[in-house]
Amino acid sequence: MNEYREFRDRRIVQFASYLRLMRRRQQDIASGPSFIIFSESGRDRGPDTSVLDRSRAAAVPIGLSLHGGLDCGDPFDVLVGEFPGQPPEDGYEPDNSHRFIQFSFNPRYFDIDLPNTTLYRPEAAEILACRPGFFYVKNRRQFEHPAEQVPEFAPVRRVYVYGDDRAAAEDMAFIWFDVWKFPVDWRFFVTAAAFHEDTEWESDWPLDVDSVVTCD
């Protein structure tokens, strides 16, 4: 196995470990939704940053907007395998701060959230073409987060059931390393918290290729 593949696989295991840790936190600690952000940079990050504000809005439980949806026992296949629709007409102009990938966690499932402040339009198209299950929220508004500003941020999303940590980690690796071309040994920064408890599990926590993720 070459060094690139070894490092990439190590990052996938690392990402998946963090997502499993967030599942434990969501189920054992949080009384409402929680979130985690993986960012390329830790600079200028804090509770008043725009990225964190958007994440707080995105992490409202999806079930509130499903009119029964998953919480009434619908099969998970409603979330995958469908045509993702046409891209929004506007948006997809990343700001000048940094790239990030954010996840929201709810009692039964979690999702990856990519607003247009971190994606260019061709990048969004590449993700939808290469990774099954992604869709434009604008075209599938039943999966919109209640407090989300879809017309403004035009997010790309995929929804996962718990246990799909590896699949979500592979999706994240594809975005960081194949779409955005980050080196596999890049130092990422992690911010994570729940919304209804006084928690700040991580705040710009550095995540190197050899960092070990352990459960609380």
Protein backbone atom coordinates (compact mmCIF):
# COMPACT_ATOMS: atom_id res chain seq x y z
CA MET A 1 0.00 0.00 0.00
CA ASN A 2 1.50 3.37 -0.93
CA GLU A 3 1.86 6.16 1.59
CA TYR A 4 -0.98 8.23 0.14
CA ARG A 5 -3.47 5.37 0.41
CA GLU A 6 -2.28 4.54 3.92
CA PHE A 7 -2.73 8.15 5.07
CA ARG A 8 -6.09 8.48 3.34
CA ASP A 9 -7.43 5.31 4.95
CA ARG A 10 -6.16 6.55 8.30
CA ARG A 11 -8.10 9.79 7.86
CA ILE A 12 -11.27 7.91 6.94
CA VAL A 13 -10.98 5.83 10.13
CA GLN A 14 -10.35 9.02 12.09
CA PHE A 15 -13.36 10.82 10.61
CA ALA A 16 -15.59 7.80 11.25
CA SER A 17 -14.39 7.63 14.86
CA TYR A 18 -15.42 11.24 15.41
CA LEU A 19 -18.85 10.58 13.91
CA ARG A 20 -19.33 7.57 16.21
CA LEU A 21 -18.27 9.74 19.14
CA MET A 22 -20.88 12.32 18.13
CA ARG A 23 -23.51 9.58 18.01
CA ARG A 24 -22.70 8.68 21.63
CA ARG A 25 -22.87 12.29 22.66
CA GLN A 26 -26.15 12.77 20.85
CA GLN A 27 -27.72 9.71 22.46
CA ASP A 28 -26.22 9.96 25.95
CA ILE A 29 -25.85 13.68 26.61
CA ALA A 30 -27.82 15.89 24.24
CA SER A 31 -31.51 16.56 24.79
CA GLY A 32 -31.78 18.13 21.35
CA PRO A 33 -29.70 18.36 18.18
CA SER A 34 -25.93 18.72 18.10
CA PHE A 35 -23.35 19.50 15.45
CA ILE A 36 -19.72 19.06 14.46
CA ILE A 37 -17.67 21.16 12.02
CA PHE A 38 -14.45 20.03 10.34
CA SER A 39 -12.62 23.12 9.11
CA GLU A 40 -9.46 23.69 7.14
CA SER A 41 -8.36 26.45 9.51
CA GLY A 42 -8.77 27.40 13.14
CA ARG A 43 -8.23 31.10 12.69
CA ASP A 44 -10.90 33.62 13.62
CA ARG A 45 -13.22 30.95 14.94
CA GLY A 46 -15.49 31.44 17.92
CA PRO A 47 -19.13 31.51 19.07
CA ASP A 48 -19.87 34.62 17.00
CA THR A 49 -18.50 33.44 13.66
CA SER A 50 -20.80 33.16 10.67
CA VAL A 51 -19.87 29.51 10.06
CA LEU A 52 -20.93 28.50 13.55
CA ASP A 53 -24.11 30.54 13.30
CA ARG A 54 -25.07 28.74 10.11
CA SER A 55 -24.37 25.40 11.74
CA ARG A 56 -26.62 26.22 14.66
CA ALA A 57 -29.46 26.96 12.24
CA ALA A 58 -28.80 23.81 10.25
CA ALA A 59 -28.90 21.48 13.23
CA VAL A 60 -32.60 21.85 14.04
CA PRO A 61 -34.19 18.37 13.88
CA ILE A 62 -35.12 17.40 10.33
CA GLY A 63 -38.15 15.50 11.59
CA LEU A 64 -39.95 18.76 12.34
CA SER A 65 -40.25 19.44 8.62
CA LEU A 66 -41.06 15.94 7.36
CA HIS A 67 -44.82 15.93 8.13
CA GLY A 68 -44.51 12.44 9.58
CA GLY A 69 -41.52 11.36 7.51
CA LEU A 70 -38.87 9.27 9.20
CA ASP A 71 -40.43 9.59 12.63
CA CYS A 72 -43.44 7.68 11.37
CA GLY A 73 -41.38 4.74 10.20
CA ASP A 74 -40.86 5.51 6.52
CA PRO A 75 -38.14 3.35 4.94
CA PHE A 76 -34.71 4.94 4.69
CA ASP A 77 -34.63 4.40 0.94
CA VAL A 78 -36.65 7.60 0.52
CA LEU A 79 -33.38 9.37 1.26
CA VAL A 80 -31.16 7.76 -1.35
CA GLY A 81 -31.09 6.72 -4.97
CA GLU A 82 -33.28 9.49 -6.33
CA PHE A 83 -32.35 12.05 -8.98
CA PRO A 84 -30.87 14.99 -7.06
CA GLY A 85 -32.51 17.62 -9.26
CA GLN A 86 -31.17 20.73 -10.93
CA PRO A 87 -28.71 23.05 -9.16
CA PRO A 88 -29.95 26.36 -7.76
CA GLU A 89 -29.61 29.30 -10.10
CA ASP A 90 -27.70 31.46 -7.64
CA GLY A 91 -25.00 30.99 -5.03
CA TYR A 92 -22.02 28.65 -4.90
CA GLU A 93 -19.45 31.33 -4.25
CA PRO A 94 -17.30 30.40 -1.22
CA ASP A 95 -16.34 33.24 1.04
CA ASN A 96 -12.71 34.15 1.67
CA SER A 97 -12.41 32.55 5.11
CA HIS A 98 -12.01 28.78 4.86
CA ARG A 99 -13.45 25.49 3.67
CA PHE A 100 -15.50 23.42 6.09
CA ILE A 101 -17.76 20.36 6.28
CA GLN A 102 -20.47 20.29 8.90
CA PHE A 103 -22.76 17.57 10.24
CA SER A 104 -25.94 17.84 12.28
CA PHE A 105 -27.04 15.05 14.63
CA ASN A 106 -30.54 14.14 15.74
CA PRO A 107 -31.92 11.24 17.77
CA ARG A 108 -32.25 8.80 14.87
CA TYR A 109 -30.03 10.04 12.05
CA PHE A 110 -27.41 12.59 11.01
CA ASP A 111 -26.61 14.53 7.86
CA ILE A 112 -23.74 16.21 6.07
CA ASP A 113 -24.38 19.83 5.17
CA LEU A 114 -22.51 21.81 2.49
CA PRO A 115 -23.79 25.37 1.99
CA ASN A 116 -22.74 27.46 -0.99
CA THR A 117 -20.31 29.43 1.18
CA THR A 118 -17.94 26.45 1.03
CA LEU A 119 -18.67 25.11 -2.48
CA TYR A 120 -18.35 26.34 -6.05
CA ARG A 121 -21.04 25.20 -8.47
CA PRO A 122 -18.76 22.73 -10.38
CA GLU A 123 -17.69 21.21 -7.07
CA ALA A 124 -21.30 20.67 -6.03
CA ALA A 125 -21.99 19.05 -9.40
CA GLU A 126 -18.97 16.75 -9.00
CA ILE A 127 -20.08 15.60 -5.56
CA LEU A 128 -23.58 14.79 -6.78
CA ALA A 129 -22.24 12.98 -9.83
CA CYS A 130 -19.70 10.85 -7.96
CA ARG A 131 -21.24 10.17 -4.54
CA PRO A 132 -24.67 8.48 -4.38
CA GLY A 133 -27.24 9.94 -2.00
CA PHE A 134 -26.36 13.64 -2.23
CA PHE A 135 -29.04 16.10 -3.32
CA TYR A 136 -29.80 19.80 -3.55
CA VAL A 137 -32.05 20.71 -0.64
CA LYS A 138 -33.82 23.21 -2.88
CA ASN A 139 -35.19 20.29 -4.92
CA ARG A 140 -36.14 18.12 -1.94
CA ARG A 141 -37.55 20.54 0.57
CA GLN A 142 -38.93 17.74 2.76
CA PHE A 143 -35.35 17.44 4.05
CA GLU A 144 -34.90 21.13 4.76
CA HIS A 145 -33.97 22.04 8.32
CA PRO A 146 -36.74 24.22 9.79
CA ALA A 147 -34.49 27.19 10.61
CA GLU A 148 -32.45 26.87 7.44
CA GLN A 149 -32.19 29.60 4.81
CA VAL A 150 -32.22 27.41 1.70
CA PRO A 151 -32.60 30.20 -0.90
CA GLU A 152 -29.58 32.01 0.51
CA PHE A 153 -27.20 29.11 1.23
CA ALA A 154 -28.45 26.54 -1.35
CA PRO A 155 -27.09 23.56 0.58
CA VAL A 156 -26.04 20.17 -0.75
CA ARG A 157 -26.89 17.36 1.66
CA ARG A 158 -26.86 13.65 2.34
CA VAL A 159 -28.74 11.97 5.19
CA TYR A 160 -27.36 8.91 7.03
CA VAL A 161 -28.76 6.44 9.55
CA TYR A 162 -26.60 5.72 12.57
CA GLY A 163 -24.19 2.97 11.70
CA ASP A 164 -23.29 4.65 8.40
CA ASP A 165 -20.26 6.34 9.97
CA ARG A 166 -17.84 4.76 7.50
CA ALA A 167 -19.90 5.85 4.48
CA ALA A 168 -20.11 9.41 5.82
CA ALA A 169 -16.36 9.44 6.49
CA GLU A 170 -15.64 8.24 2.95
CA ASP A 171 -17.87 11.00 1.59
CA MET A 172 -15.99 13.54 3.66
CA ALA A 173 -12.64 12.20 2.48
CA PHE A 174 -13.82 12.45 -1.14
CA ILE A 175 -14.73 16.11 -0.64
CA TRP A 176 -11.54 17.10 1.19
CA PHE A 177 -9.04 15.11 -0.85
CA ASP A 178 -10.58 14.57 -4.30
CA VAL A 179 -12.74 17.65 -4.81
CA TRP A 180 -10.86 20.26 -2.79
CA LYS A 181 -7.41 18.63 -3.24
CA PHE A 182 -6.26 18.99 0.36
CA PRO A 183 -3.20 16.92 1.33
CA VAL A 184 -4.17 13.78 3.25
CA ASP A 185 -1.94 14.84 6.16
CA TRP A 186 -3.60 18.26 6.50
CA ARG A 187 -4.25 19.56 10.02
CA PHE A 188 -7.99 20.07 10.34
CA PHE A 189 -9.80 21.85 13.18
CA VAL A 190 -12.88 20.48 14.91
CA THR A 191 -15.69 22.35 16.65
CA ALA A 192 -18.58 20.43 18.24
CA ALA A 193 -21.39 21.18 20.68
CA ALA A 194 -25.00 20.45 21.59
CA PHE A 195 -27.58 23.20 21.42
CA HIS A 196 -29.64 22.67 24.56
CA GLU A 197 -26.87 21.91 27.04
CA ASP A 198 -23.90 23.92 28.22
CA THR A 199 -21.49 21.96 26.06
CA GLU A 200 -18.51 22.82 23.95
CA TRP A 201 -16.94 19.45 23.32
CA GLU A 202 -14.38 20.85 20.91
CA SER A 203 -13.53 24.38 19.84
CA ASP A 204 -10.97 24.55 17.03
CA TRP A 205 -9.44 21.29 18.25
CA PRO A 206 -6.50 20.38 15.96
CA LEU A 207 -6.90 17.07 14.15
CA ASP A 208 -3.66 15.76 12.66
CA VAL A 209 -3.30 12.56 10.73
CA ASP A 210 -2.03 10.77 13.85
CA SER A 211 -4.57 12.21 16.27
CA VAL A 212 -6.49 9.56 18.20
CA VAL A 213 -10.23 10.05 18.75
CA THR A 214 -11.47 8.59 22.03
CA CYS A 215 -14.94 8.45 23.53
CA ASP A 216 -15.86 10.81 26.34
